[in-house]
Amino acid sequence: MRRRESNDGGAMPQEVAVARGRAEESAALSLACTAVLAAAKRLNIVLQSDQEVIGEAMKVAARVDAEMQKQLQSGGLKSVNKAYRTYRLETGARGERVLRYDEWMRKYKENLVRQVAFALRHV
């Protein structure tokens, strides 16, 4: 490991070199954060924390579940059930394992949440 040279040509103590390196990294990180924030503001992009994104995703998933329950009670899932029947017949004809209805419905809901998330990203 090389030691950094001080301005007077002598070797710097290791602790000083490490501290200076951390300060330089911190300054570079600060500049990068400032640049990202400025670019997001200029492009009108909302930046969110991981927790905010997770919270929004949970709200979307809850809304999808509520809507599916409402459709189930009103008989509005006929097209979904028809899609499952088609899936079951085609998959079985190929000799592949067919998912049970509840497994298929879980995947169907997951796909809906992904589609909603994708749509919201482009609003």
N, C-alpha and C. Protein backbone atom coordinates (compact mmCIF):
# COMPACT_ATOMS: atom_id res chain seq x y z
N MET A 1 0.84 -1.17 0.00
CA MET A 1 0.00 0.00 0.00
C MET A 1 0.89 1.24 0.00
N ARG A 2 0.63 2.15 -0.92
CA ARG A 2 1.44 3.38 -0.96
C ARG A 2 0.85 4.44 -0.06
N ARG A 3 1.71 5.24 0.48
CA ARG A 3 1.26 6.38 1.25
C ARG A 3 1.20 7.59 0.34
N ARG A 4 0.22 8.41 0.58
CA ARG A 4 0.14 9.64 -0.20
C ARG A 4 1.22 10.59 0.27
N GLU A 5 1.69 11.39 -0.66
CA GLU A 5 2.72 12.37 -0.34
C GLU A 5 2.08 13.67 0.13
N SER A 6 2.67 14.32 1.10
CA SER A 6 2.17 15.62 1.52
C SER A 6 2.76 16.68 0.59
N ASN A 7 2.28 17.90 0.73
CA ASN A 7 2.75 18.99 -0.13
C ASN A 7 4.25 19.25 0.02
N ASP A 8 4.81 18.98 1.18
CA ASP A 8 6.24 19.25 1.37
C ASP A 8 7.11 18.07 0.95
N GLY A 9 6.51 17.04 0.34
CA GLY A 9 7.28 15.92 -0.17
C GLY A 9 7.43 14.77 0.80
N GLY A 10 7.05 14.96 2.05
CA GLY A 10 7.16 13.88 3.03
C GLY A 10 5.94 12.99 3.01
N ALA A 11 6.06 11.85 3.60
CA ALA A 11 4.94 10.91 3.65
C ALA A 11 3.93 11.36 4.70
N MET A 12 2.63 11.26 4.36
CA MET A 12 1.57 11.62 5.30
C MET A 12 1.29 10.43 6.20
N PRO A 13 0.93 10.68 7.42
CA PRO A 13 0.50 9.57 8.27
C PRO A 13 -0.75 8.91 7.66
N GLN A 14 -0.88 7.62 7.86
CA GLN A 14 -1.98 6.84 7.27
C GLN A 14 -3.35 7.42 7.63
N GLU A 15 -3.53 7.83 8.88
CA GLU A 15 -4.83 8.36 9.32
C GLU A 15 -5.21 9.61 8.55
N VAL A 16 -4.23 10.47 8.27
CA VAL A 16 -4.50 11.70 7.52
C VAL A 16 -4.88 11.37 6.09
N ALA A 17 -4.19 10.41 5.48
CA ALA A 17 -4.49 10.01 4.11
C ALA A 17 -5.90 9.43 4.02
N VAL A 18 -6.28 8.60 4.98
CA VAL A 18 -7.62 8.01 4.99
C VAL A 18 -8.67 9.09 5.17
N ALA A 19 -8.44 10.01 6.09
CA ALA A 19 -9.40 11.09 6.33
C ALA A 19 -9.56 11.96 5.09
N ARG A 20 -8.45 12.28 4.43
CA ARG A 20 -8.51 13.10 3.22
C ARG A 20 -9.28 12.35 2.11
N GLY A 21 -9.02 11.04 1.98
CA GLY A 21 -9.73 10.24 0.98
C GLY A 21 -11.23 10.22 1.24
N ARG A 22 -11.61 10.09 2.50
CA ARG A 22 -13.04 10.09 2.85
C ARG A 22 -13.67 11.45 2.56
N ALA A 23 -12.96 12.51 2.84
CA ALA A 23 -13.48 13.85 2.58
C ALA A 23 -13.67 14.06 1.08
N GLU A 24 -12.72 13.56 0.27
CA GLU A 24 -12.85 13.68 -1.19
C GLU A 24 -14.03 12.87 -1.69
N GLU A 25 -14.20 11.65 -1.16
CA GLU A 25 -15.35 10.82 -1.55
C GLU A 25 -16.66 11.47 -1.16
N SER A 26 -16.68 12.06 0.04
CA SER A 26 -17.88 12.73 0.52
C SER A 26 -18.23 13.93 -0.37
N ALA A 27 -17.22 14.69 -0.76
CA ALA A 27 -17.45 15.84 -1.63
C ALA A 27 -17.96 15.39 -2.99
N ALA A 28 -17.39 14.31 -3.53
CA ALA A 28 -17.84 13.79 -4.82
C ALA A 28 -19.27 13.29 -4.73
N LEU A 29 -19.61 12.62 -3.64
CA LEU A 29 -20.96 12.13 -3.44
C LEU A 29 -21.94 13.29 -3.32
N SER A 30 -21.56 14.32 -2.61
CA SER A 30 -22.40 15.50 -2.45
C SER A 30 -22.66 16.16 -3.80
N LEU A 31 -21.62 16.28 -4.63
CA LEU A 31 -21.79 16.86 -5.97
C LEU A 31 -22.70 16.00 -6.83
N ALA A 32 -22.55 14.69 -6.74
CA ALA A 32 -23.39 13.78 -7.52
C ALA A 32 -24.86 13.90 -7.09
N CYS A 33 -25.10 13.95 -5.79
CA CYS A 33 -26.48 14.09 -5.29
C CYS A 33 -27.09 15.41 -5.76
N THR A 34 -26.33 16.46 -5.68
CA THR A 34 -26.81 17.76 -6.13
C THR A 34 -27.15 17.74 -7.61
N ALA A 35 -26.31 17.10 -8.41
CA ALA A 35 -26.55 17.01 -9.85
C ALA A 35 -27.81 16.20 -10.15
N VAL A 36 -28.01 15.08 -9.44
CA VAL A 36 -29.20 14.26 -9.65
C VAL A 36 -30.45 15.04 -9.27
N LEU A 37 -30.43 15.71 -8.13
CA LEU A 37 -31.59 16.50 -7.70
C LEU A 37 -31.91 17.61 -8.69
N ALA A 38 -30.89 18.28 -9.19
CA ALA A 38 -31.10 19.35 -10.16
C ALA A 38 -31.67 18.80 -11.47
N ALA A 39 -31.16 17.67 -11.93
CA ALA A 39 -31.66 17.05 -13.16
C ALA A 39 -33.12 16.61 -12.98
N ALA A 40 -33.45 16.02 -11.84
CA ALA A 40 -34.82 15.58 -11.58
C ALA A 40 -35.77 16.78 -11.57
N LYS A 41 -35.33 17.86 -10.96
CA LYS A 41 -36.17 19.06 -10.92
C LYS A 41 -36.36 19.63 -12.32
N ARG A 42 -35.29 19.69 -13.08
CA ARG A 42 -35.35 20.23 -14.44
C ARG A 42 -36.25 19.39 -15.34
N LEU A 43 -36.23 18.06 -15.14
CA LEU A 43 -37.03 17.15 -15.96
C LEU A 43 -38.41 16.87 -15.36
N ASN A 44 -38.71 17.54 -14.25
CA ASN A 44 -40.00 17.39 -13.58
C ASN A 44 -40.25 15.94 -13.15
N ILE A 45 -39.24 15.33 -12.55
CA ILE A 45 -39.31 13.95 -12.07
C ILE A 45 -39.36 13.98 -10.54
N VAL A 46 -40.33 13.26 -9.99
CA VAL A 46 -40.46 13.17 -8.55
C VAL A 46 -39.58 12.03 -8.06
N LEU A 47 -38.69 12.32 -7.14
CA LEU A 47 -37.85 11.30 -6.54
C LEU A 47 -38.49 10.85 -5.24
N GLN A 48 -38.54 9.52 -5.04
CA GLN A 48 -39.14 8.97 -3.84
C GLN A 48 -38.18 7.99 -3.18
N SER A 49 -38.33 7.86 -1.88
CA SER A 49 -37.53 6.89 -1.15
C SER A 49 -38.10 5.50 -1.40
N ASP A 50 -37.32 4.49 -1.04
CA ASP A 50 -37.79 3.11 -1.18
C ASP A 50 -39.09 2.91 -0.39
N GLN A 51 -39.15 3.47 0.80
CA GLN A 51 -40.34 3.31 1.64
C GLN A 51 -41.57 3.96 1.00
N GLU A 52 -41.39 5.11 0.36
CA GLU A 52 -42.51 5.76 -0.33
C GLU A 52 -42.99 4.92 -1.50
N VAL A 53 -42.07 4.34 -2.26
CA VAL A 53 -42.43 3.50 -3.40
C VAL A 53 -43.16 2.25 -2.91
N ILE A 54 -42.67 1.63 -1.86
CA ILE A 54 -43.31 0.44 -1.30
C ILE A 54 -44.71 0.78 -0.82
N GLY A 55 -44.85 1.92 -0.16
CA GLY A 55 -46.16 2.36 0.32
C GLY A 55 -47.16 2.54 -0.81
N GLU A 56 -46.72 3.17 -1.89
CA GLU A 56 -47.59 3.36 -3.05
C GLU A 56 -47.96 2.03 -3.70
N ALA A 57 -47.00 1.12 -3.79
CA ALA A 57 -47.27 -0.20 -4.37
C ALA A 57 -48.28 -0.96 -3.52
N MET A 58 -48.17 -0.85 -2.21
CA MET A 58 -49.12 -1.52 -1.32
C MET A 58 -50.53 -0.96 -1.51
N LYS A 59 -50.64 0.35 -1.72
CA LYS A 59 -51.95 0.96 -1.96
C LYS A 59 -52.55 0.44 -3.26
N VAL A 60 -51.72 0.34 -4.30
CA VAL A 60 -52.21 -0.17 -5.59
C VAL A 60 -52.66 -1.62 -5.44
N ALA A 61 -51.87 -2.43 -4.76
CA ALA A 61 -52.22 -3.84 -4.57
C ALA A 61 -53.54 -3.97 -3.80
N ALA A 62 -53.73 -3.13 -2.79
CA ALA A 62 -54.98 -3.15 -2.02
C ALA A 62 -56.16 -2.75 -2.90
N ARG A 63 -55.96 -1.75 -3.75
CA ARG A 63 -57.04 -1.33 -4.65
C ARG A 63 -57.39 -2.44 -5.64
N VAL A 64 -56.38 -3.12 -6.17
CA VAL A 64 -56.64 -4.23 -7.09
C VAL A 64 -57.41 -5.33 -6.37
N ASP A 65 -57.00 -5.67 -5.15
CA ASP A 65 -57.72 -6.70 -4.38
C ASP A 65 -59.17 -6.29 -4.13
N ALA A 66 -59.38 -5.04 -3.74
CA ALA A 66 -60.74 -4.57 -3.48
C ALA A 66 -61.60 -4.63 -4.75
N GLU A 67 -61.03 -4.22 -5.87
CA GLU A 67 -61.77 -4.25 -7.13
C GLU A 67 -62.08 -5.68 -7.55
N MET A 68 -61.13 -6.59 -7.35
CA MET A 68 -61.36 -7.99 -7.70
C MET A 68 -62.48 -8.57 -6.82
N GLN A 69 -62.50 -8.24 -5.56
CA GLN A 69 -63.55 -8.72 -4.67
C GLN A 69 -64.91 -8.18 -5.11
N LYS A 70 -64.92 -6.91 -5.47
CA LYS A 70 -66.17 -6.30 -5.93
C LYS A 70 -66.66 -6.99 -7.21
N GLN A 71 -65.74 -7.25 -8.12
CA GLN A 71 -66.10 -7.92 -9.37
C GLN A 71 -66.56 -9.36 -9.11
N LEU A 72 -65.93 -10.03 -8.15
CA LEU A 72 -66.31 -11.39 -7.81
C LEU A 72 -67.74 -11.44 -7.29
N GLN A 73 -68.08 -10.48 -6.43
CA GLN A 73 -69.42 -10.45 -5.83
C GLN A 73 -70.50 -10.07 -6.85
N SER A 74 -70.14 -9.26 -7.84
CA SER A 74 -71.14 -8.81 -8.82
C SER A 74 -71.17 -9.68 -10.07
N GLY A 75 -70.33 -10.71 -10.12
CA GLY A 75 -70.30 -11.58 -11.29
C GLY A 75 -69.53 -10.97 -12.45
N GLY A 76 -68.71 -10.01 -12.16
CA GLY A 76 -67.97 -9.31 -13.21
C GLY A 76 -66.66 -9.96 -13.63
N LEU A 77 -66.39 -11.14 -13.13
CA LEU A 77 -65.13 -11.81 -13.48
C LEU A 77 -65.31 -12.84 -14.59
N LYS A 78 -66.38 -12.73 -15.34
CA LYS A 78 -66.63 -13.71 -16.40
C LYS A 78 -65.49 -13.76 -17.40
N SER A 79 -64.98 -12.60 -17.80
CA SER A 79 -63.89 -12.59 -18.78
C SER A 79 -62.60 -13.17 -18.18
N VAL A 80 -62.38 -12.92 -16.89
CA VAL A 80 -61.21 -13.47 -16.21
C VAL A 80 -61.34 -14.99 -16.11
N ASN A 81 -62.50 -15.45 -15.74
CA ASN A 81 -62.73 -16.90 -15.64
C ASN A 81 -62.61 -17.56 -17.01
N LYS A 82 -63.05 -16.88 -18.05
CA LYS A 82 -62.91 -17.42 -19.40
C LYS A 82 -61.44 -17.51 -19.78
N ALA A 83 -60.66 -16.51 -19.38
CA ALA A 83 -59.22 -16.53 -19.65
C ALA A 83 -58.56 -17.71 -18.92
N TYR A 84 -58.99 -17.97 -17.68
CA TYR A 84 -58.44 -19.12 -16.94
C TYR A 84 -58.80 -20.42 -17.63
N ARG A 85 -60.05 -20.53 -18.08
CA ARG A 85 -60.48 -21.76 -18.76
C ARG A 85 -59.64 -21.99 -20.02
N THR A 86 -59.42 -20.92 -20.80
CA THR A 86 -58.60 -21.03 -22.01
C THR A 86 -57.18 -21.46 -21.65
N TYR A 87 -56.62 -20.82 -20.63
CA TYR A 87 -55.27 -21.18 -20.16
C TYR A 87 -55.22 -22.65 -19.77
N ARG A 88 -56.21 -23.10 -19.00
CA ARG A 88 -56.24 -24.48 -18.51
C ARG A 88 -56.31 -25.48 -19.66
N LEU A 89 -57.17 -25.19 -20.64
CA LEU A 89 -57.32 -26.10 -21.78
C LEU A 89 -56.05 -26.15 -22.63
N GLU A 90 -55.47 -24.97 -22.91
CA GLU A 90 -54.26 -24.92 -23.76
C GLU A 90 -53.06 -25.55 -23.06
N THR A 91 -52.90 -25.26 -21.79
CA THR A 91 -51.77 -25.80 -21.03
C THR A 91 -51.89 -27.31 -20.88
N GLY A 92 -53.10 -27.77 -20.57
CA GLY A 92 -53.33 -29.21 -20.44
C GLY A 92 -53.11 -29.94 -21.75
N ALA A 93 -53.51 -29.32 -22.87
CA ALA A 93 -53.33 -29.94 -24.18
C ALA A 93 -51.84 -30.11 -24.51
N ARG A 94 -51.00 -29.23 -23.99
CA ARG A 94 -49.55 -29.33 -24.22
C ARG A 94 -48.90 -30.31 -23.25
N GLY A 95 -49.70 -30.83 -22.31
CA GLY A 95 -49.16 -31.78 -21.34
C GLY A 95 -48.42 -31.11 -20.20
N GLU A 96 -48.57 -29.82 -20.04
CA GLU A 96 -47.89 -29.08 -18.97
C GLU A 96 -48.76 -29.05 -17.72
N ARG A 97 -48.14 -28.76 -16.61
CA ARG A 97 -48.84 -28.65 -15.33
C ARG A 97 -49.71 -27.39 -15.35
N VAL A 98 -50.97 -27.56 -14.96
CA VAL A 98 -51.92 -26.45 -14.92
C VAL A 98 -51.99 -25.92 -13.49
N LEU A 99 -51.88 -24.61 -13.34
CA LEU A 99 -51.99 -23.99 -12.02
C LEU A 99 -53.43 -24.09 -11.52
N ARG A 100 -53.57 -24.29 -10.21
CA ARG A 100 -54.90 -24.21 -9.61
C ARG A 100 -55.43 -22.80 -9.79
N TYR A 101 -56.73 -22.65 -9.70
CA TYR A 101 -57.35 -21.34 -9.93
C TYR A 101 -56.80 -20.28 -8.99
N ASP A 102 -56.64 -20.61 -7.71
CA ASP A 102 -56.15 -19.61 -6.75
C ASP A 102 -54.71 -19.19 -7.05
N GLU A 103 -53.87 -20.12 -7.50
CA GLU A 103 -52.49 -19.77 -7.88
C GLU A 103 -52.51 -18.88 -9.13
N TRP A 104 -53.33 -19.28 -10.10
CA TRP A 104 -53.42 -18.52 -11.34
C TRP A 104 -53.94 -17.11 -11.06
N MET A 105 -54.94 -17.01 -10.19
CA MET A 105 -55.52 -15.70 -9.84
C MET A 105 -54.50 -14.82 -9.14
N ARG A 106 -53.67 -15.40 -8.27
CA ARG A 106 -52.63 -14.62 -7.59
C ARG A 106 -51.67 -14.03 -8.63
N LYS A 107 -51.27 -14.86 -9.59
CA LYS A 107 -50.37 -14.37 -10.65
C LYS A 107 -51.06 -13.32 -11.51
N TYR A 108 -52.35 -13.52 -11.76
CA TYR A 108 -53.13 -12.56 -12.54
C TYR A 108 -53.14 -11.20 -11.82
N LYS A 109 -53.38 -11.21 -10.52
CA LYS A 109 -53.39 -9.97 -9.73
C LYS A 109 -52.01 -9.32 -9.73
N GLU A 110 -50.95 -10.12 -9.56
CA GLU A 110 -49.59 -9.59 -9.59
C GLU A 110 -49.32 -8.88 -10.92
N ASN A 111 -49.78 -9.49 -12.00
CA ASN A 111 -49.59 -8.89 -13.31
C ASN A 111 -50.36 -7.58 -13.43
N LEU A 112 -51.57 -7.53 -12.87
CA LEU A 112 -52.34 -6.28 -12.88
C LEU A 112 -51.60 -5.17 -12.13
N VAL A 113 -51.05 -5.52 -10.97
CA VAL A 113 -50.30 -4.53 -10.19
C VAL A 113 -49.09 -4.03 -10.98
N ARG A 114 -48.40 -4.94 -11.66
CA ARG A 114 -47.26 -4.53 -12.49
C ARG A 114 -47.70 -3.58 -13.60
N GLN A 115 -48.83 -3.90 -14.24
CA GLN A 115 -49.34 -3.04 -15.31
C GLN A 115 -49.72 -1.66 -14.79
N VAL A 116 -50.35 -1.61 -13.62
CA VAL A 116 -50.72 -0.33 -13.02
C VAL A 116 -49.46 0.46 -12.67
N ALA A 117 -48.48 -0.20 -12.10
CA ALA A 117 -47.22 0.47 -11.75
C ALA A 117 -46.54 1.02 -12.99
N PHE A 118 -46.53 0.24 -14.06
CA PHE A 118 -45.93 0.69 -15.32
C PHE A 118 -46.68 1.92 -15.85
N ALA A 119 -48.00 1.86 -15.80
CA ALA A 119 -48.80 2.98 -16.28
C ALA A 119 -48.55 4.24 -15.45
N LEU A 120 -48.44 4.07 -14.14
CA LEU A 120 -48.20 5.22 -13.27
C LEU A 120 -46.82 5.84 -13.48
N ARG A 121 -45.85 5.03 -13.89
CA ARG A 121 -44.51 5.56 -14.15
C ARG A 121 -44.52 6.49 -15.34
N HIS A 122 -45.45 6.29 -16.25
CA HIS A 122 -45.47 7.07 -17.47
C HIS A 122 -46.57 8.11 -17.50
N VAL A 123 -47.06 8.47 -16.32
CA VAL A 123 -48.10 9.52 -16.24
C VAL A 123 -47.43 10.85 -16.01
